[in-house]
Protein backbone atom coordinates (compact mmCIF):
# COMPACT_ATOMS: atom_id res chain seq x y z
CA MET A 1 -68.50 -15.86 -92.63
CA THR A 2 -66.35 -18.88 -94.06
CA ALA A 3 -66.05 -22.27 -92.17
CA ARG A 4 -62.89 -22.78 -90.61
CA TYR A 5 -61.12 -26.11 -91.77
CA ARG A 6 -60.93 -28.55 -88.81
CA TRP A 7 -57.56 -30.09 -87.98
CA THR A 8 -57.72 -33.59 -87.31
CA SER A 9 -55.04 -35.47 -85.01
CA GLU A 10 -53.78 -37.15 -88.07
CA ASP A 11 -53.25 -33.69 -89.88
CA VAL A 12 -51.39 -32.37 -86.86
CA ALA A 13 -49.32 -35.74 -86.73
CA ARG A 14 -48.41 -35.17 -90.46
CA ARG A 15 -47.19 -31.70 -90.07
CA ALA A 16 -45.58 -32.64 -86.75
CA ALA A 17 -43.40 -35.42 -88.97
CA GLU A 18 -42.85 -32.69 -91.52
CA HIS A 19 -41.73 -30.34 -89.16
CA TYR A 20 -39.34 -32.98 -87.75
CA LEU A 21 -37.72 -34.02 -91.19
CA ALA A 22 -37.24 -30.13 -92.03
CA GLN A 23 -35.33 -30.09 -88.63
CA CYS A 24 -33.07 -32.84 -89.64
CA ALA A 25 -32.49 -31.73 -93.14
CA ARG A 26 -31.43 -28.26 -91.48
CA ARG A 27 -29.06 -30.12 -89.20
CA ASP A 28 -27.36 -31.99 -92.05
CA ALA A 29 -27.34 -28.83 -94.22
CA ARG A 30 -25.41 -27.03 -91.17
CA TYR A 31 -23.01 -29.81 -90.87
CA ASN A 32 -22.16 -29.64 -94.50
CA TYR A 33 -21.39 -25.84 -94.24
CA GLU A 34 -19.50 -26.43 -91.20
CA CYS A 35 -17.51 -29.13 -93.02
CA ALA A 36 -16.92 -26.80 -96.24
CA CYS A 37 -15.66 -24.12 -93.52
CA ILE A 38 -13.24 -26.41 -92.32
CA ARG A 39 -11.90 -27.59 -95.61
CA PHE A 40 -11.19 -23.91 -96.57
CA LYS A 41 -9.28 -23.34 -93.26
CA GLU A 42 -7.32 -26.74 -93.72
CA ARG A 43 -6.25 -26.05 -97.59
CA ARG A 44 -5.51 -22.54 -96.62
CA GLY A 45 -3.55 -23.60 -93.40
CA ILE A 46 -5.49 -21.04 -91.22
CA GLU A 47 -7.43 -21.15 -87.98
CA HIS A 48 -9.94 -18.14 -88.33
CA VAL A 49 -11.86 -17.22 -91.54
CA ASP A 50 -12.96 -13.74 -92.60
CA VAL A 51 -16.17 -14.17 -93.53
CA ALA A 52 -16.15 -11.16 -95.95
CA ASP A 53 -13.27 -13.04 -97.71
CA ALA A 54 -14.62 -13.62 -101.36
CA SER A 55 -12.31 -16.90 -101.88
CA PHE A 56 -14.33 -17.95 -98.40
CA ARG A 57 -17.64 -17.02 -99.80
CA ARG A 58 -17.17 -18.74 -103.22
CA SER A 59 -15.73 -21.95 -101.57
CA THR A 60 -18.71 -22.12 -99.33
CA ARG A 61 -21.32 -20.72 -101.38
CA LYS A 62 -23.49 -24.13 -102.33
CA ALA A 63 -23.30 -25.29 -98.67
CA TYR A 64 -24.45 -21.83 -97.74
CA VAL A 65 -27.23 -21.58 -99.78
CA ALA A 66 -28.24 -25.13 -98.84
CA TYR A 67 -28.34 -24.24 -95.18
CA GLN A 68 -30.03 -21.05 -95.55
CA HIS A 69 -32.67 -22.91 -97.91
CA ALA A 70 -32.89 -25.36 -95.44
CA ARG A 71 -33.60 -23.27 -92.36
CA ARG A 72 -36.51 -21.46 -94.50
CA LEU A 73 -37.88 -25.04 -95.04
CA GLU A 74 -37.96 -25.66 -91.10
CA TYR A 75 -39.31 -21.96 -90.58
CA ASN A 76 -41.90 -22.65 -92.71
CA ALA A 77 -42.77 -26.34 -91.15
CA ALA A 78 -43.13 -24.64 -87.93
CA ARG A 79 -45.57 -22.21 -88.90
CA ARG A 80 -47.49 -25.00 -90.67
CA LEU A 81 -47.63 -27.07 -87.49
CA GLU A 82 -48.61 -24.31 -85.50
CA THR A 83 -51.57 -23.44 -87.71
CA ALA A 84 -52.54 -27.06 -87.48
CA ILE A 85 -52.16 -27.17 -83.41
CA ARG A 86 -54.19 -23.98 -83.43
CA GLY A 87 -57.12 -25.16 -85.71
CA SER A 88 -57.14 -28.32 -84.02
CA GLU A 89 -60.54 -29.82 -81.80
CA VAL A 90 -57.97 -30.84 -79.04
CA PHE A 91 -55.96 -27.45 -78.62
CA ARG A 92 -59.70 -25.57 -78.81
CA GLU A 93 -60.86 -28.01 -75.88
CA VAL A 94 -57.52 -27.21 -73.99
CA SER A 95 -57.86 -23.60 -74.85
CA ARG A 96 -61.56 -23.39 -73.65
CA ALA A 97 -60.56 -25.61 -70.23
CA HIS A 98 -57.57 -23.22 -69.69
CA ALA A 99 -59.81 -20.13 -69.91
CA ARG A 100 -61.94 -21.09 -67.46
């Protein structure tokens, strides 16, 4: 059996900081995408957008791709944080005490 990595509190804190930064980046990317959508509507003088409209997709493509990428990075950071928490000594102690 292979030895499991012992996650320290510093490791968990580093992963938490990475997750927080990924959340901030996702929020920024979402804001940029929403701004791109608003600019498209203002240029066209319309209130509602048909998301299947090719011109809308072309106009907002970069912002949308950046937003999807930021969402993926946030999801991955959350999974890495979860792994670090589950592998930490503190989590093991708490889960043992909770099981009693």
